[in-house]
Amino acid sequence: MIYPTVVWIVLDHYMLAAAAAAGATDTAGPALERFEGVGLSQAMYVIPVLNLTLTLCMFAAARSVPRDVEKVRNWMRDAATGPARPAAAK
């Protein structure tokens, strides 16, 4: 699950940046809670970028499927017919 991971990383970055801008010196959990809202609101800008990236990946994958299916069909047809084998000696 890439979305939550990326949003979490971006949230932490902006949360720490807001804390540093406010002059907070303690980076423990309770001291940063008041900056969590700033980090979350800034991290929400990443979601449309991730959606666009996923859309482009899915579009590229959908365009390559017909070629891949044809390759597999050709491979299976060639494997079924197999190379000509010499007759066994009696």
N, C-alpha and C. Protein backbone atom coordinates (compact mmCIF):
# COMPACT_ATOMS: atom_id res chain seq x y z
N MET A 1 0.84 -1.17 0.00
CA MET A 1 0.00 0.00 0.00
C MET A 1 0.89 1.23 0.00
N ILE A 2 1.00 1.79 -1.17
CA ILE A 2 1.94 2.90 -1.32
C ILE A 2 1.35 4.24 -0.86
N TYR A 3 0.05 4.44 -1.04
CA TYR A 3 -0.53 5.74 -0.67
C TYR A 3 -0.33 6.09 0.80
N PRO A 4 -0.73 5.22 1.73
CA PRO A 4 -0.55 5.59 3.13
C PRO A 4 0.91 5.82 3.51
N THR A 5 1.80 5.03 2.94
CA THR A 5 3.21 5.18 3.26
C THR A 5 3.75 6.52 2.78
N VAL A 6 3.44 6.88 1.54
CA VAL A 6 3.93 8.16 1.00
C VAL A 6 3.31 9.33 1.75
N VAL A 7 2.01 9.27 2.01
CA VAL A 7 1.35 10.37 2.73
C VAL A 7 1.92 10.49 4.13
N TRP A 8 2.21 9.37 4.78
CA TRP A 8 2.78 9.40 6.13
C TRP A 8 4.16 10.05 6.11
N ILE A 9 4.98 9.71 5.13
CA ILE A 9 6.32 10.29 5.04
C ILE A 9 6.24 11.80 4.80
N VAL A 10 5.35 12.20 3.88
CA VAL A 10 5.20 13.62 3.59
C VAL A 10 4.62 14.36 4.80
N LEU A 11 3.67 13.73 5.49
CA LEU A 11 3.09 14.32 6.70
C LEU A 11 4.17 14.59 7.73
N ASP A 12 5.02 13.60 7.98
CA ASP A 12 6.10 13.78 8.95
C ASP A 12 7.04 14.90 8.55
N HIS A 13 7.34 14.98 7.26
CA HIS A 13 8.25 16.04 6.80
C HIS A 13 7.66 17.42 7.07
N TYR A 14 6.41 17.62 6.67
CA TYR A 14 5.79 18.93 6.86
C TYR A 14 5.50 19.23 8.33
N MET A 15 5.22 18.20 9.11
CA MET A 15 4.99 18.39 10.54
C MET A 15 6.28 18.87 11.21
N LEU A 16 7.39 18.23 10.87
CA LEU A 16 8.66 18.66 11.45
C LEU A 16 9.08 20.03 10.95
N ALA A 17 8.78 20.34 9.70
CA ALA A 17 9.10 21.67 9.17
C ALA A 17 8.29 22.75 9.88
N ALA A 18 7.01 22.48 10.14
CA ALA A 18 6.18 23.45 10.85
C ALA A 18 6.66 23.63 12.29
N ALA A 19 7.08 22.53 12.92
CA ALA A 19 7.60 22.62 14.28
C ALA A 19 8.89 23.42 14.31
N ALA A 20 9.76 23.20 13.34
CA ALA A 20 11.02 23.95 13.29
C ALA A 20 10.77 25.42 13.03
N ALA A 21 9.79 25.73 12.17
CA ALA A 21 9.47 27.13 11.88
C ALA A 21 8.89 27.83 13.12
N ALA A 22 8.20 27.07 13.95
CA ALA A 22 7.63 27.65 15.17
C ALA A 22 8.65 27.70 16.31
N GLY A 23 9.81 27.12 16.09
CA GLY A 23 10.86 27.17 17.10
C GLY A 23 10.78 26.06 18.13
N ALA A 24 10.04 25.01 17.84
CA ALA A 24 9.94 23.89 18.79
C ALA A 24 11.26 23.13 18.81
N THR A 25 11.73 22.84 19.99
CA THR A 25 12.99 22.12 20.11
C THR A 25 12.77 20.65 20.46
N ASP A 26 11.64 20.33 21.06
CA ASP A 26 11.35 18.95 21.44
C ASP A 26 10.69 18.24 20.25
N THR A 27 11.25 17.12 19.85
CA THR A 27 10.70 16.38 18.71
C THR A 27 10.02 15.09 19.16
N ALA A 28 9.60 15.03 20.43
CA ALA A 28 8.87 13.86 20.93
C ALA A 28 7.42 13.95 20.47
N GLY A 29 6.71 12.84 20.56
CA GLY A 29 5.34 12.75 20.07
C GLY A 29 4.39 13.82 20.57
N PRO A 30 4.22 13.99 21.90
CA PRO A 30 3.24 14.97 22.39
C PRO A 30 3.57 16.41 22.00
N ALA A 31 4.83 16.73 21.88
CA ALA A 31 5.21 18.10 21.53
C ALA A 31 4.87 18.42 20.08
N LEU A 32 4.80 17.40 19.23
CA LEU A 32 4.54 17.63 17.81
C LEU A 32 3.06 17.50 17.44
N GLU A 33 2.21 17.10 18.39
CA GLU A 33 0.80 16.88 18.06
C GLU A 33 0.12 18.13 17.51
N ARG A 34 0.48 19.30 18.01
CA ARG A 34 -0.18 20.51 17.53
C ARG A 34 0.25 20.88 16.11
N PHE A 35 1.33 20.30 15.61
CA PHE A 35 1.78 20.56 14.24
C PHE A 35 1.31 19.49 13.26
N GLU A 36 0.64 18.47 13.79
CA GLU A 36 0.19 17.37 12.96
C GLU A 36 -0.84 17.82 11.92
N GLY A 37 -1.70 18.74 12.29
CA GLY A 37 -2.71 19.25 11.36
C GLY A 37 -2.09 19.96 10.17
N VAL A 38 -1.04 20.73 10.42
CA VAL A 38 -0.35 21.41 9.33
C VAL A 38 0.28 20.39 8.40
N GLY A 39 0.93 19.40 8.96
CA GLY A 39 1.55 18.36 8.15
C GLY A 39 0.54 17.59 7.33
N LEU A 40 -0.59 17.27 7.93
CA LEU A 40 -1.62 16.51 7.23
C LEU A 40 -2.23 17.32 6.09
N SER A 41 -2.51 18.59 6.34
CA SER A 41 -3.10 19.41 5.27
C SER A 41 -2.13 19.58 4.10
N GLN A 42 -0.85 19.67 4.37
CA GLN A 42 0.14 19.78 3.31
C GLN A 42 0.33 18.45 2.59
N ALA A 43 0.24 17.35 3.32
CA ALA A 43 0.43 16.03 2.73
C ALA A 43 -0.72 15.67 1.79
N MET A 44 -1.88 16.25 1.98
CA MET A 44 -3.03 15.96 1.11
C MET A 44 -2.79 16.39 -0.33
N TYR A 45 -1.85 17.29 -0.55
CA TYR A 45 -1.53 17.71 -1.92
C TYR A 45 -0.81 16.61 -2.70
N VAL A 46 -0.30 15.63 -2.02
CA VAL A 46 0.42 14.54 -2.68
C VAL A 46 -0.56 13.54 -3.30
N ILE A 47 -1.75 13.41 -2.76
CA ILE A 47 -2.70 12.40 -3.21
C ILE A 47 -3.06 12.54 -4.68
N PRO A 48 -3.38 13.72 -5.21
CA PRO A 48 -3.66 13.80 -6.65
C PRO A 48 -2.47 13.41 -7.52
N VAL A 49 -1.27 13.72 -7.07
CA VAL A 49 -0.07 13.34 -7.83
C VAL A 49 0.06 11.82 -7.86
N LEU A 50 -0.17 11.17 -6.73
CA LEU A 50 -0.12 9.71 -6.69
C LEU A 50 -1.21 9.09 -7.57
N ASN A 51 -2.40 9.70 -7.55
CA ASN A 51 -3.48 9.19 -8.40
C ASN A 51 -3.13 9.31 -9.87
N LEU A 52 -2.56 10.41 -10.27
CA LEU A 52 -2.16 10.61 -11.67
C LEU A 52 -1.08 9.60 -12.06
N THR A 53 -0.13 9.38 -11.19
CA THR A 53 0.93 8.42 -11.45
C THR A 53 0.36 7.01 -11.62
N LEU A 54 -0.54 6.63 -10.74
CA LEU A 54 -1.17 5.31 -10.84
C LEU A 54 -1.99 5.19 -12.13
N THR A 55 -2.69 6.26 -12.50
CA THR A 55 -3.47 6.24 -13.73
C THR A 55 -2.58 6.02 -14.94
N LEU A 56 -1.46 6.70 -14.99
CA LEU A 56 -0.54 6.54 -16.12
C LEU A 56 0.05 5.13 -16.16
N CYS A 57 0.37 4.57 -15.00
CA CYS A 57 0.89 3.20 -14.95
C CYS A 57 -0.15 2.20 -15.43
N MET A 58 -1.38 2.36 -15.00
CA MET A 58 -2.45 1.45 -15.41
C MET A 58 -2.73 1.58 -16.91
N PHE A 59 -2.68 2.79 -17.44
CA PHE A 59 -2.89 3.00 -18.87
C PHE A 59 -1.79 2.32 -19.68
N ALA A 60 -0.54 2.48 -19.25
CA ALA A 60 0.58 1.84 -19.96
C ALA A 60 0.47 0.32 -19.88
N ALA A 61 0.07 -0.19 -18.74
CA ALA A 61 -0.09 -1.65 -18.60
C ALA A 61 -1.21 -2.16 -19.49
N ALA A 62 -2.31 -1.42 -19.56
CA ALA A 62 -3.43 -1.85 -20.39
C ALA A 62 -3.06 -1.86 -21.87
N ARG A 63 -2.20 -0.96 -22.27
CA ARG A 63 -1.79 -0.93 -23.67
C ARG A 63 -0.83 -2.06 -24.02
N SER A 64 -0.12 -2.58 -23.05
CA SER A 64 0.84 -3.64 -23.34
C SER A 64 0.23 -5.04 -23.25
N VAL A 65 -0.95 -5.17 -22.68
CA VAL A 65 -1.56 -6.49 -22.50
C VAL A 65 -1.80 -7.23 -23.82
N PRO A 66 -2.38 -6.62 -24.85
CA PRO A 66 -2.60 -7.38 -26.09
C PRO A 66 -1.32 -7.96 -26.69
N ARG A 67 -0.24 -7.22 -26.65
CA ARG A 67 1.03 -7.74 -27.17
C ARG A 67 1.52 -8.90 -26.33
N ASP A 68 1.40 -8.78 -25.01
CA ASP A 68 1.85 -9.85 -24.12
C ASP A 68 1.01 -11.12 -24.32
N VAL A 69 -0.29 -10.95 -24.49
CA VAL A 69 -1.16 -12.12 -24.71
C VAL A 69 -0.77 -12.81 -26.01
N GLU A 70 -0.50 -12.04 -27.05
CA GLU A 70 -0.10 -12.64 -28.33
C GLU A 70 1.23 -13.38 -28.21
N LYS A 71 2.16 -12.82 -27.46
CA LYS A 71 3.45 -13.51 -27.25
C LYS A 71 3.25 -14.85 -26.54
N VAL A 72 2.40 -14.85 -25.52
CA VAL A 72 2.15 -16.09 -24.78
C VAL A 72 1.47 -17.11 -25.67
N ARG A 73 0.50 -16.67 -26.46
CA ARG A 73 -0.18 -17.60 -27.37
C ARG A 73 0.80 -18.20 -28.37
N ASN A 74 1.67 -17.39 -28.93
CA ASN A 74 2.68 -17.90 -29.86
C ASN A 74 3.62 -18.88 -29.17
N TRP A 75 4.04 -18.56 -27.97
CA TRP A 75 4.93 -19.43 -27.22
C TRP A 75 4.26 -20.77 -26.92
N MET A 76 2.98 -20.71 -26.52
CA MET A 76 2.26 -21.95 -26.23
C MET A 76 2.04 -22.78 -27.49
N ARG A 77 1.76 -22.13 -28.61
CA ARG A 77 1.57 -22.85 -29.87
C ARG A 77 2.87 -23.52 -30.29
N ASP A 78 3.99 -22.80 -30.16
CA ASP A 78 5.29 -23.37 -30.52
C ASP A 78 5.67 -24.52 -29.58
N ALA A 79 5.34 -24.39 -28.32
CA ALA A 79 5.66 -25.45 -27.36
C ALA A 79 4.81 -26.69 -27.61
N ALA A 80 3.57 -26.50 -28.07
CA ALA A 80 2.69 -27.64 -28.32
C ALA A 80 3.12 -28.43 -29.54
N THR A 81 3.55 -27.73 -30.58
CA THR A 81 3.97 -28.43 -31.78
C THR A 81 5.36 -29.03 -31.59
N GLY A 82 6.22 -28.31 -30.89
CA GLY A 82 7.55 -28.80 -30.58
C GLY A 82 8.42 -28.98 -31.81
N PRO A 83 9.72 -29.14 -31.60
CA PRO A 83 10.62 -29.38 -32.71
C PRO A 83 10.44 -30.81 -33.24
N ALA A 84 10.80 -31.02 -34.47
CA ALA A 84 10.69 -32.36 -35.09
C ALA A 84 11.69 -33.29 -34.39
N ARG A 85 11.21 -34.45 -33.97
CA ARG A 85 12.08 -35.41 -33.27
C ARG A 85 12.33 -36.59 -34.19
N PRO A 86 13.56 -37.09 -34.21
CA PRO A 86 13.83 -38.27 -35.03
C PRO A 86 13.12 -39.49 -34.46
N ALA A 87 12.77 -40.38 -35.35
CA ALA A 87 12.09 -41.60 -34.94
C ALA A 87 13.05 -42.48 -34.15
N ALA A 88 12.54 -43.17 -33.16
CA ALA A 88 13.37 -44.05 -32.33
C ALA A 88 13.76 -45.30 -33.12
N ALA A 89 14.99 -45.74 -32.96
CA ALA A 89 15.47 -46.93 -33.67
C ALA A 89 14.91 -48.19 -33.03
N LYS A 90 14.52 -49.15 -33.86
CA LYS A 90 13.97 -50.40 -33.32
C LYS A 90 15.01 -51.48 -33.27
